[in-house]
PDB file of N, CA and C in Angstrom:
ATOM      1  N   LEU A   1     -28.087  22.179  -4.170  1.00  0.00           N
ATOM      2  CA  LEU A   1     -27.949  23.160  -5.217  1.00  0.00           C
ATOM      3  C   LEU A   1     -28.008  22.481  -6.572  1.00  0.00           C
ATOM      4  N   GLY A   2     -28.316  23.271  -7.574  1.00  0.00           N
ATOM      5  CA  GLY A   2     -28.404  22.778  -8.933  1.00  0.00           C
ATOM      6  C   GLY A   2     -29.121  23.813  -9.779  1.00  0.00           C
ATOM      7  N   PHE A   3     -29.547  23.404 -10.965  1.00  0.00           N
ATOM      8  CA  PHE A   3     -30.282  24.329 -11.821  1.00  0.00           C
ATOM      9  C   PHE A   3     -31.429  23.615 -12.515  1.00  0.00           C
ATOM     10  N   LEU A   4     -32.449  24.406 -12.833  1.00  0.00           N
ATOM     11  CA  LEU A   4     -33.612  23.908 -13.576  1.00  0.00           C
ATOM     12  C   LEU A   4     -33.434  24.232 -15.048  1.00  0.00           C
ATOM     13  N   CYS A   5     -33.885  23.356 -15.899  1.00  0.00           N
ATOM     14  CA  CYS A   5     -33.874  23.640 -17.327  1.00  0.00           C
ATOM     15  C   CYS A   5     -35.142  23.079 -17.945  1.00  0.00           C
ATOM     16  N   GLU A   6     -35.411  23.509 -19.147  1.00  0.00           N
ATOM     17  CA  GLU A   6     -36.586  23.061 -19.875  1.00  0.00           C
ATOM     18  C   GLU A   6     -36.143  22.200 -21.045  1.00  0.00           C
ATOM     19  N   VAL A   7     -36.789  21.055 -21.176  1.00  0.00           N
ATOM     20  CA  VAL A   7     -36.531  20.142 -22.282  1.00  0.00           C
ATOM     21  C   VAL A   7     -37.884  19.919 -22.955  1.00  0.00           C
ATOM     22  N   GLY A   8     -38.166  20.722 -23.961  1.00  0.00           N
ATOM     23  CA  GLY A   8     -39.503  20.677 -24.556  1.00  0.00           C
ATOM     24  C   GLY A   8     -40.517  21.039 -23.490  1.00  0.00           C
ATOM     25  N   PRO A   9     -41.529  20.201 -23.288  1.00  0.00           N
ATOM     26  CA  PRO A   9     -42.535  20.501 -22.269  1.00  0.00           C
ATOM     27  C   PRO A   9     -42.139  20.065 -20.857  1.00  0.00           C
ATOM     28  N   LEU A  10     -40.984  19.428 -20.710  1.00  0.00           N
ATOM     29  CA  LEU A  10     -40.556  18.910 -19.410  1.00  0.00           C
ATOM     30  C   LEU A  10     -39.763  19.931 -18.623  1.00  0.00           C
ATOM     31  N   SER A  11     -39.910  19.871 -17.319  1.00  0.00           N
ATOM     32  CA  SER A  11     -39.058  20.617 -16.409  1.00  0.00           C
ATOM     33  C   SER A  11     -38.048  19.625 -15.863  1.00  0.00           C
ATOM     34  N   LEU A  12     -36.760  19.987 -15.898  1.00  0.00           N
ATOM     35  CA  LEU A  12     -35.697  19.061 -15.527  1.00  0.00           C
ATOM     36  C   LEU A  12     -34.764  19.742 -14.533  1.00  0.00           C
ATOM     37  N   PHE A  13     -34.397  19.040 -13.482  1.00  0.00           N
ATOM     38  CA  PHE A  13     -33.481  19.568 -12.471  1.00  0.00           C
ATOM     39  C   PHE A  13     -32.161  18.815 -12.541  1.00  0.00           C
ATOM     40  N   VAL A  14     -31.060  19.560 -12.603  1.00  0.00           N
ATOM     41  CA  VAL A  14     -29.715  18.983 -12.571  1.00  0.00           C
ATOM     42  C   VAL A  14     -29.080  19.369 -11.240  1.00  0.00           C
ATOM     43  N   SER A  15     -28.868  18.382 -10.385  1.00  0.00           N
ATOM     44  CA  SER A  15     -28.252  18.603  -9.078  1.00  0.00           C
ATOM     45  C   SER A  15     -26.749  18.792  -9.247  1.00  0.00           C
ATOM     46  N   GLN A  16     -26.147  19.506  -8.320  1.00  0.00           N
ATOM     47  CA  GLN A  16     -24.704  19.693  -8.365  1.00  0.00           C
ATOM     48  C   GLN A  16     -23.978  18.355  -8.254  1.00  0.00           C
ATOM     49  N   ARG A  17     -24.590  17.373  -7.627  1.00  0.00           N
ATOM     50  CA  ARG A  17     -23.996  16.038  -7.524  1.00  0.00           C
ATOM     51  C   ARG A  17     -23.939  15.332  -8.876  1.00  0.00           C
ATOM     52  N   LEU A  18     -24.784  15.756  -9.823  1.00  0.00           N
ATOM     53  CA  LEU A  18     -24.811  15.141 -11.146  1.00  0.00           C
ATOM     54  C   LEU A  18     -24.104  15.995 -12.192  1.00  0.00           C
ATOM     55  N   MET A  19     -23.225  16.877 -11.718  1.00  0.00           N
ATOM     56  CA  MET A  19     -22.361  17.675 -12.588  1.00  0.00           C
ATOM     57  C   MET A  19     -20.947  17.106 -12.488  1.00  0.00           C
ATOM     58  N   PRO A  20     -20.100  17.376 -13.474  1.00  0.00           N
ATOM     59  CA  PRO A  20     -18.720  16.907 -13.365  1.00  0.00           C
ATOM     60  C   PRO A  20     -18.040  17.479 -12.120  1.00  0.00           C
ATOM     61  N   PRO A  21     -17.079  16.749 -11.566  1.00  0.00           N
ATOM     62  CA  PRO A  21     -16.371  17.251 -10.378  1.00  0.00           C
ATOM     63  C   PRO A  21     -15.728  18.609 -10.669  1.00  0.00           C
ATOM     64  N   GLY A  22     -15.776  19.489  -9.691  1.00  0.00           N
ATOM     65  CA  GLY A  22     -15.135  20.791  -9.831  1.00  0.00           C
ATOM     66  C   GLY A  22     -16.078  21.927 -10.176  1.00  0.00           C
ATOM     67  N   TYR A  23     -17.325  21.645 -10.537  1.00  0.00           N
ATOM     68  CA  TYR A  23     -18.276  22.725 -10.816  1.00  0.00           C
ATOM     69  C   TYR A  23     -18.777  23.301  -9.497  1.00  0.00           C
ATOM     70  N   THR A  24     -18.740  24.628  -9.379  1.00  0.00           N
ATOM     71  CA  THR A  24     -19.221  25.297  -8.181  1.00  0.00           C
ATOM     72  C   THR A  24     -20.162  26.433  -8.570  1.00  0.00           C
ATOM     73  N   PHE A  25     -21.017  26.805  -7.643  1.00  0.00           N
ATOM     74  CA  PHE A  25     -21.959  27.896  -7.856  1.00  0.00           C
ATOM     75  C   PHE A  25     -21.252  29.211  -7.588  1.00  0.00           C
ATOM     76  N   ASP A  26     -21.394  30.176  -8.528  1.00  0.00           N
ATOM     77  CA  ASP A  26     -20.757  31.486  -8.398  1.00  0.00           C
ATOM     78  C   ASP A  26     -21.821  32.566  -8.561  1.00  0.00           C
ATOM     79  N   ALA A  27     -22.229  33.177  -7.466  1.00  0.00           N
ATOM     80  CA  ALA A  27     -23.257  34.221  -7.511  1.00  0.00           C
ATOM     81  C   ALA A  27     -22.649  35.617  -7.490  1.00  0.00           C
ATOM     82  N   ASP A  28     -21.332  35.712  -7.375  1.00  0.00           N
ATOM     83  CA  ASP A  28     -20.686  37.010  -7.208  1.00  0.00           C
ATOM     84  C   ASP A  28     -20.347  37.712  -8.514  1.00  0.00           C
ATOM     85  N   ASP A  29     -20.021  36.989  -9.546  1.00  0.00           N
ATOM     86  CA  ASP A  29     -19.531  37.584 -10.790  1.00  0.00           C
ATOM     87  C   ASP A  29     -20.652  37.671 -11.825  1.00  0.00           C
ATOM     88  N   GLY A  30     -21.383  38.790 -11.836  1.00  0.00           N
ATOM     89  CA  GLY A  30     -22.478  38.968 -12.803  1.00  0.00           C
ATOM     90  C   GLY A  30     -23.660  38.091 -12.457  1.00  0.00           C
ATOM     91  N   PRO A  31     -24.338  37.558 -13.476  1.00  0.00           N
ATOM     92  CA  PRO A  31     -25.490  36.695 -13.176  1.00  0.00           C
ATOM     93  C   PRO A  31     -25.011  35.385 -12.538  1.00  0.00           C
ATOM     94  N   PRO A  32     -25.843  34.771 -11.707  1.00  0.00           N
ATOM     95  CA  PRO A  32     -25.457  33.510 -11.065  1.00  0.00           C
ATOM     96  C   PRO A  32     -25.117  32.448 -12.113  1.00  0.00           C
ATOM     97  N   THR A  33     -24.014  31.746 -11.902  1.00  0.00           N
ATOM     98  CA  THR A  33     -23.560  30.727 -12.848  1.00  0.00           C
ATOM     99  C   THR A  33     -22.968  29.547 -12.100  1.00  0.00           C
ATOM    100  N   TYR A  34     -22.821  28.435 -12.807  1.00  0.00           N
ATOM    101  CA  TYR A  34     -21.996  27.325 -12.360  1.00  0.00           C
ATOM    102  C   TYR A  34     -20.732  27.381 -13.191  1.00  0.00           C
ATOM    103  N   VAL A  35     -19.588  27.344 -12.543  1.00  0.00           N
ATOM    104  CA  VAL A  35     -18.305  27.484 -13.227  1.00  0.00           C
ATOM    105  C   VAL A  35     -17.415  26.295 -12.857  1.00  0.00           C
ATOM    106  N   ASN A  36     -16.633  25.823 -13.860  1.00  0.00           N
ATOM    107  CA  ASN A  36     -15.744  24.699 -13.575  1.00  0.00           C
ATOM    108  C   ASN A  36     -14.503  25.172 -12.833  1.00  0.00           C
ATOM    109  N   SER A  37     -13.693  24.243 -12.397  1.00  0.00           N
ATOM    110  CA  SER A  37     -12.543  24.582 -11.540  1.00  0.00           C
ATOM    111  C   SER A  37     -11.501  25.439 -12.254  1.00  0.00           C
ATOM    112  N   THR A  38     -11.400  25.329 -13.586  1.00  0.00           N
ATOM    113  CA  THR A  38     -10.430  26.152 -14.317  1.00  0.00           C
ATOM    114  C   THR A  38     -11.032  27.474 -14.792  1.00  0.00           C
ATOM    115  N   LYS A  39     -12.310  27.682 -14.488  1.00  0.00           N
ATOM    116  CA  LYS A  39     -13.047  28.898 -14.852  1.00  0.00           C
ATOM    117  C   LYS A  39     -13.101  29.134 -16.363  1.00  0.00           C
ATOM    118  N   THR A  40     -13.058  28.043 -17.144  1.00  0.00           N
ATOM    119  CA  THR A  40     -13.153  28.152 -18.601  1.00  0.00           C
ATOM    120  C   THR A  40     -14.560  27.898 -19.106  1.00  0.00           C
ATOM    121  N   LEU A  41     -15.383  27.201 -18.323  1.00  0.00           N
ATOM    122  CA  LEU A  41     -16.764  26.921 -18.713  1.00  0.00           C
ATOM    123  C   LEU A  41     -17.708  27.490 -17.672  1.00  0.00           C
ATOM    124  N   ARG A  42     -18.735  28.218 -18.144  1.00  0.00           N
ATOM    125  CA  ARG A  42     -19.753  28.790 -17.258  1.00  0.00           C
ATOM    126  C   ARG A  42     -21.126  28.402 -17.772  1.00  0.00           C
ATOM    127  N   ILE A  43     -21.963  27.900 -16.888  1.00  0.00           N
ATOM    128  CA  ILE A  43     -23.348  27.602 -17.226  1.00  0.00           C
ATOM    129  C   ILE A  43     -24.206  28.669 -16.582  1.00  0.00           C
ATOM    130  N   ALA A  44     -24.867  29.483 -17.406  1.00  0.00           N
ATOM    131  CA  ALA A  44     -25.688  30.593 -16.922  1.00  0.00           C
ATOM    132  C   ALA A  44     -27.104  30.454 -17.494  1.00  0.00           C
ATOM    133  N   LYS A  45     -27.974  31.328 -17.065  1.00  0.00           N
ATOM    134  CA  LYS A  45     -29.347  31.344 -17.546  1.00  0.00           C
ATOM    135  C   LYS A  45     -29.362  31.484 -19.075  1.00  0.00           C
ATOM    136  N   ASP A  46     -30.245  30.741 -19.721  1.00  0.00           N
ATOM    137  CA  ASP A  46     -30.453  30.733 -21.171  1.00  0.00           C
ATOM    138  C   ASP A  46     -29.329  30.060 -21.953  1.00  0.00           C
ATOM    139  N   ASP A  47     -28.363  29.420 -21.290  1.00  0.00           N
ATOM    140  CA  ASP A  47     -27.359  28.636 -22.002  1.00  0.00           C
ATOM    141  C   ASP A  47     -27.957  27.284 -22.389  1.00  0.00           C
ATOM    142  N   ALA A  48     -27.490  26.732 -23.489  1.00  0.00           N
ATOM    143  CA  ALA A  48     -27.933  25.409 -23.939  1.00  0.00           C
ATOM    144  C   ALA A  48     -26.990  24.356 -23.379  1.00  0.00           C
ATOM    145  N   VAL A  49     -27.568  23.342 -22.742  1.00  0.00           N
ATOM    146  CA  VAL A  49     -26.775  22.239 -22.207  1.00  0.00           C
ATOM    147  C   VAL A  49     -27.368  20.923 -22.708  1.00  0.00           C
ATOM    148  N   ARG A  50     -26.500  19.952 -22.878  1.00  0.00           N
ATOM    149  CA  ARG A  50     -26.958  18.605 -23.249  1.00  0.00           C
ATOM    150  C   ARG A  50     -27.006  17.801 -21.956  1.00  0.00           C
ATOM    151  N   VAL A  51     -28.176  17.209 -21.690  1.00  0.00           N
ATOM    152  CA  VAL A  51     -28.384  16.478 -20.440  1.00  0.00           C
ATOM    153  C   VAL A  51     -28.815  15.048 -20.734  1.00  0.00           C
ATOM    154  N   LYS A  52     -28.655  14.217 -19.722  1.00  0.00           N
ATOM    155  CA  LYS A  52     -29.150  12.849 -19.771  1.00  0.00           C
ATOM    156  C   LYS A  52     -30.202  12.717 -18.671  1.00  0.00           C
ATOM    157  N   VAL A  53     -31.371  12.222 -19.001  1.00  0.00           N
ATOM    158  CA  VAL A  53     -32.429  12.016 -18.014  1.00  0.00           C
ATOM    159  C   VAL A  53     -32.096  10.760 -17.214  1.00  0.00           C
ATOM    160  N   VAL A  54     -32.035  10.912 -15.887  1.00  0.00           N
ATOM    161  CA  VAL A  54     -31.702   9.776 -15.025  1.00  0.00           C
ATOM    162  C   VAL A  54     -32.868   9.353 -14.138  1.00  0.00           C
ATOM    163  N   GLY A  55     -33.929  10.151 -14.096  1.00  0.00           N
ATOM    164  CA  GLY A  55     -35.093   9.787 -13.299  1.00  0.00           C
ATOM    165  C   GLY A  55     -36.291  10.649 -13.645  1.00  0.00           C
ATOM    166  N   THR A  56     -37.483  10.105 -13.446  1.00  0.00           N
ATOM    167  CA  THR A  56     -38.718  10.854 -13.722  1.00  0.00           C
ATOM    168  C   THR A  56     -39.712  10.651 -12.586  1.00  0.00           C
ATOM    169  N   ARG A  57     -40.581  11.637 -12.434  1.00  0.00           N
ATOM    170  CA  ARG A  57     -41.711  11.551 -11.511  1.00  0.00           C
ATOM    171  C   ARG A  57     -42.915  12.082 -12.260  1.00  0.00           C
ATOM    172  N   ILE A  58     -43.986  11.321 -12.279  1.00  0.00           N
ATOM    173  CA  ILE A  58     -45.175  11.715 -13.033  1.00  0.00           C
ATOM    174  C   ILE A  58     -46.322  11.945 -12.065  1.00  0.00           C
ATOM    175  N   ASN A  59     -46.867  13.161 -12.087  1.00  0.00           N
ATOM    176  CA  ASN A  59     -48.074  13.495 -11.343  1.00  0.00           C
ATOM    177  C   ASN A  59     -49.224  13.587 -12.337  1.00  0.00           C
ATOM    178  N   THR A  60     -50.403  13.858 -11.851  1.00  0.00           N
ATOM    179  CA  THR A  60     -51.537  13.995 -12.757  1.00  0.00           C
ATOM    180  C   THR A  60     -51.437  15.237 -13.628  1.00  0.00           C
ATOM    181  N   ALA A  61     -50.723  16.255 -13.168  1.00  0.00           N
ATOM    182  CA  ALA A  61     -50.660  17.516 -13.904  1.00  0.00           C
ATOM    183  C   ALA A  61     -49.318  17.783 -14.576  1.00  0.00           C
ATOM    184  N   GLU A  62     -48.245  17.076 -14.181  1.00  0.00           N
ATOM    185  CA  GLU A  62     -46.930  17.389 -14.753  1.00  0.00           C
ATOM    186  C   GLU A  62     -45.998  16.191 -14.692  1.00  0.00           C
ATOM    187  N   ILE A  63     -44.939  16.291 -15.473  1.00  0.00           N
ATOM    188  CA  ILE A  63     -43.855  15.318 -15.444  1.00  0.00           C
ATOM    189  C   ILE A  63     -42.600  16.076 -15.026  1.00  0.00           C
ATOM    190  N   PHE A  64     -41.911  15.581 -14.015  1.00  0.00           N
ATOM    191  CA  PHE A  64     -40.701  16.230 -13.521  1.00  0.00           C
ATOM    192  C   PHE A  64     -39.550  15.246 -13.651  1.00  0.00           C
ATOM    193  N   CYS A  65     -38.403  15.728 -14.126  1.00  0.00           N
ATOM    194  CA  CYS A  65     -37.263  14.849 -14.382  1.00  0.00           C
ATOM    195  C   CYS A  65     -36.026  15.311 -13.624  1.00  0.00           C
ATOM    196  N   ILE A  66     -35.156  14.352 -13.337  1.00  0.00           N
ATOM    197  CA  ILE A  66     -33.826  14.607 -12.800  1.00  0.00           C
ATOM    198  C   ILE A  66     -32.851  14.307 -13.929  1.00  0.00           C
ATOM    199  N   GLY A  67     -31.889  15.226 -14.137  1.00  0.00           N
ATOM    200  CA  GLY A  67     -30.939  15.056 -15.226  1.00  0.00           C
ATOM    201  C   GLY A  67     -29.511  15.119 -14.749  1.00  0.00           C
ATOM    202  N   SER A  68     -28.600  14.730 -15.641  1.00  0.00           N
ATOM    203  CA  SER A  68     -27.179  14.728 -15.348  1.00  0.00           C
ATOM    204  C   SER A  68     -26.423  15.359 -16.511  1.00  0.00           C
ATOM    205  N   ILE A  69     -25.352  16.090 -16.183  1.00  0.00           N
ATOM    206  CA  ILE A  69     -24.440  16.579 -17.217  1.00  0.00           C
ATOM    207  C   ILE A  69     -23.062  15.963 -17.007  1.00  0.00           C
ATOM    208  N   ARG A  70     -23.004  14.894 -16.240  1.00  0.00           N
ATOM    209  CA  ARG A  70     -21.743  14.191 -15.979  1.00  0.00           C
ATOM    210  C   ARG A  70     -21.646  13.035 -16.969  1.00  0.00           C
ATOM    211  N   GLY A  71     -20.718  13.114 -17.876  1.00  0.00           N
ATOM    212  CA  GLY A  71     -20.518  12.042 -18.854  1.00  0.00           C
ATOM    213  C   GLY A  71     -20.022  12.598 -20.170  1.00  0.00           C
ATOM    214  N   ASP A  72     -19.626  11.708 -21.050  1.00  0.00           N
ATOM    215  CA  ASP A  72     -19.140  12.106 -22.362  1.00  0.00           C
ATOM    216  C   ASP A  72     -20.232  12.801 -23.152  1.00  0.00           C
ATOM    217  N   TYR A  73     -19.882  13.876 -23.827  1.00  0.00           N
ATOM    218  CA  TYR A  73     -20.750  14.637 -24.715  1.00  0.00           C
ATOM    219  C   TYR A  73     -21.877  15.366 -24.006  1.00  0.00           C
ATOM    220  N   LEU A  74     -21.856  15.434 -22.672  1.00  0.00           N
ATOM    221  CA  LEU A  74     -22.895  16.136 -21.916  1.00  0.00           C
ATOM    222  C   LEU A  74     -22.342  17.446 -21.402  1.00  0.00           C
ATOM    223  N   GLY A  75     -23.236  18.378 -21.092  1.00  0.00           N
ATOM    224  CA  GLY A  75     -22.823  19.659 -20.518  1.00  0.00           C
ATOM    225  C   GLY A  75     -23.099  20.819 -21.446  1.00  0.00           C
ATOM    226  N   LEU A  76     -22.367  21.882 -21.234  1.00  0.00           N
ATOM    227  CA  LEU A  76     -22.566  23.126 -21.975  1.00  0.00           C
ATOM    228  C   LEU A  76     -22.263  22.938 -23.454  1.00  0.00           C
ATOM    229  N   LEU A  77     -23.190  23.396 -24.309  1.00  0.00           N
ATOM    230  CA  LEU A  77     -22.969  23.374 -25.748  1.00  0.00           C
ATOM    231  C   LEU A  77     -22.240  24.636 -26.153  1.00  0.00           C
ATOM    232  N   GLU A  78     -21.515  24.594 -27.242  1.00  0.00           N
ATOM    233  CA  GLU A  78     -20.781  25.769 -27.705  1.00  0.00           C
ATOM    234  C   GLU A  78     -21.736  26.900 -28.019  1.00  0.00           C
ATOM    235  N   ARG A  79     -21.292  28.104 -27.730  1.00  0.00           N
ATOM    236  CA  ARG A  79     -22.133  29.272 -27.977  1.00  0.00           C
ATOM    237  C   ARG A  79     -21.951  29.768 -29.377  1.00  0.00           C
TER     238      ARG A  79
END
């Protein structure tokens, strides 16, 4: 599990393993979101997140990246 995001022209995937501990997928409450254990932070579609690129794969037609939101200053930006 995880979510896809766009970083300029790049497509980036953030796996649940590269999120801070305690984030879980919640499909029951409104639109599908990732919510932290205290239910104070929700990552939903069209939210802005700060990510760190941890890996890339380059094909002839596209560049695909793996990202992380685990770390200082990473994750959901204030709305």
